[in-house]
Protein backbone atom coordinates (compact mmCIF):
# COMPACT_ATOMS: atom_id res chain seq x y z
CA MET A 1 -99.25 -174.84 54.17
CA ARG A 2 -97.23 -177.58 52.39
CA SER A 3 -93.48 -177.20 52.10
CA ALA A 4 -92.20 -176.66 48.60
CA SER A 5 -88.87 -176.89 47.09
CA PRO A 6 -87.08 -173.57 46.37
CA ALA A 7 -87.42 -174.13 42.66
CA SER A 8 -91.26 -174.55 42.88
CA ARG A 9 -91.85 -171.35 45.02
CA THR A 10 -93.52 -168.45 43.29
CA SER A 11 -90.90 -165.97 42.00
CA PRO A 12 -91.90 -162.32 41.61
CA GLY A 13 -92.34 -162.76 37.83
CA THR A 14 -95.03 -165.44 38.27
CA GLN A 15 -97.15 -163.60 40.79
CA ILE A 16 -100.90 -163.58 39.86
CA GLU A 17 -102.10 -159.99 39.62
CA PRO A 18 -105.81 -159.10 40.09
CA ASN A 19 -107.32 -157.53 36.95
CA GLU A 20 -110.47 -155.66 37.81
CA GLN A 21 -111.26 -154.88 34.21
CA VAL A 22 -111.68 -158.62 33.35
CA LEU A 23 -115.39 -158.43 34.07
CA ASP A 24 -116.05 -156.15 31.19
CA ARG A 25 -115.27 -159.07 28.85
CA LEU A 26 -118.32 -160.93 30.22
CA VAL A 27 -120.91 -158.66 28.63
CA ASP A 28 -122.22 -159.90 25.39
CA SER A 29 -122.67 -157.02 22.99
CA ALA A 30 -125.13 -158.95 20.82
CA LEU A 31 -127.89 -158.91 23.40
CA PRO A 32 -130.76 -156.27 23.44
CA ALA A 33 -129.95 -153.00 25.07
CA LEU A 34 -131.99 -153.48 28.24
CA THR A 35 -130.46 -156.95 28.90
CA ARG A 36 -126.99 -155.59 28.23
CA LEU A 37 -127.74 -152.68 30.75
CA GLU A 38 -128.95 -155.17 33.41
CA GLN A 39 -125.84 -157.40 32.79
CA THR A 40 -123.56 -154.40 32.89
CA GLU A 41 -125.09 -153.12 36.21
CA THR A 42 -124.83 -156.60 37.74
CA LEU A 43 -121.17 -156.90 36.62
CA HIS A 44 -120.34 -153.56 38.09
CA PHE A 45 -121.92 -154.44 41.32
CA LEU A 46 -120.01 -157.65 41.32
CA GLN A 47 -116.83 -155.82 40.58
CA ARG A 48 -117.47 -153.55 43.49
CA ALA A 49 -118.21 -156.37 45.76
CA ILE A 50 -115.00 -158.23 44.75
CA ARG A 51 -113.07 -155.08 45.47
CA ASP A 52 -114.84 -154.07 48.74
CA ASP A 53 -116.11 -157.42 50.38
CA LEU A 54 -113.23 -159.82 49.67
CA THR A 55 -109.91 -159.95 51.43
CA ASP A 56 -106.79 -159.49 49.27
CA ARG A 57 -106.21 -163.27 49.27
CA GLN A 58 -109.72 -164.02 48.39
CA ARG A 59 -109.77 -161.44 45.58
CA LEU A 60 -106.40 -162.82 44.15
CA ILE A 61 -107.60 -166.46 44.23
CA PHE A 62 -111.14 -165.56 42.99
CA GLN A 63 -109.72 -163.49 40.08
CA ALA A 64 -107.29 -166.24 39.02
CA ALA A 65 -109.50 -169.28 39.50
CA VAL A 66 -112.90 -168.09 38.41
CA LEU A 67 -112.32 -165.22 36.08
CA ASP A 68 -108.97 -166.07 34.47
CA GLU A 69 -109.64 -169.82 34.73
CA VAL A 70 -106.19 -170.69 36.16
CA PRO A 71 -106.40 -174.32 37.36
CA ILE A 72 -106.56 -174.96 41.13
CA ASP A 73 -103.40 -177.06 41.00
CA VAL A 74 -101.38 -174.29 39.32
CA LEU A 75 -102.72 -171.72 41.85
CA ALA A 76 -101.89 -173.90 44.73
CA GLU A 77 -98.31 -174.40 43.34
CA ARG A 78 -97.78 -170.73 42.59
CA LEU A 79 -99.11 -169.52 45.87
CA ASP A 80 -97.25 -172.34 47.89
CA SER A 81 -100.50 -173.65 49.27
CA THR A 82 -102.65 -176.75 48.99
CA ARG A 83 -105.67 -177.49 46.67
CA GLY A 84 -107.79 -177.78 49.82
CA ALA A 85 -106.77 -174.30 51.07
CA ILE A 86 -107.46 -172.85 47.75
CA TYR A 87 -110.95 -174.43 47.59
CA LYS A 88 -111.79 -173.18 51.04
CA ILE A 89 -110.76 -169.64 50.12
CA LEU A 90 -113.06 -169.83 46.96
CA HIS A 91 -115.91 -171.21 49.04
CA ASP A 92 -115.54 -168.34 51.52
CA ALA A 93 -115.22 -165.78 48.72
CA ARG A 94 -118.26 -166.99 46.89
CA ALA A 95 -120.18 -167.01 50.19
CA ARG A 96 -119.24 -163.32 50.82
CA LEU A 97 -120.26 -162.31 47.17
CA ARG A 98 -123.57 -164.23 47.53
CA ARG A 99 -124.31 -162.21 50.86
CA ALA A 100 -123.31 -158.89 49.09
CA LEU A 101 -125.68 -159.62 46.18
CA ALA A 102 -128.47 -160.54 48.57
CA ARG A 103 -128.02 -157.32 50.49
CA ASN A 104 -128.05 -155.35 47.31
CA GLU A 105 -131.25 -157.04 45.92
CA GLY A 106 -132.90 -156.17 49.27
CA LYS A 107 -132.06 -152.53 48.78
CA GLU A 108 -133.49 -152.52 45.25
CA GLU A 109 -136.81 -154.01 46.41
CA ARG A 110 -137.20 -151.23 48.92
CA VAL A 111 -136.71 -148.43 46.27
């Protein structure tokens, strides 16, 4: 980790809190019912995978960077980390989510 001045360290008021409900915003209500249902099921699976398959740190950074669109530089500064470390955590989180999705798709094919 890089060293940061005391003024740039994350204070308790600037912590990035995960919000598991953010995925609900991604469903487009103008789509046909079957498509909406499929999207909703996929998003609920993704929400469970984020909760169950990611570490706390991966979940926090994935939520902030991907779902809340917080810039990587801002995340690195708030979390007293480096851009490279944030990118690595995101890479690992995405890989875990891809594996979880592949496992889930394999289960659906057997049904």
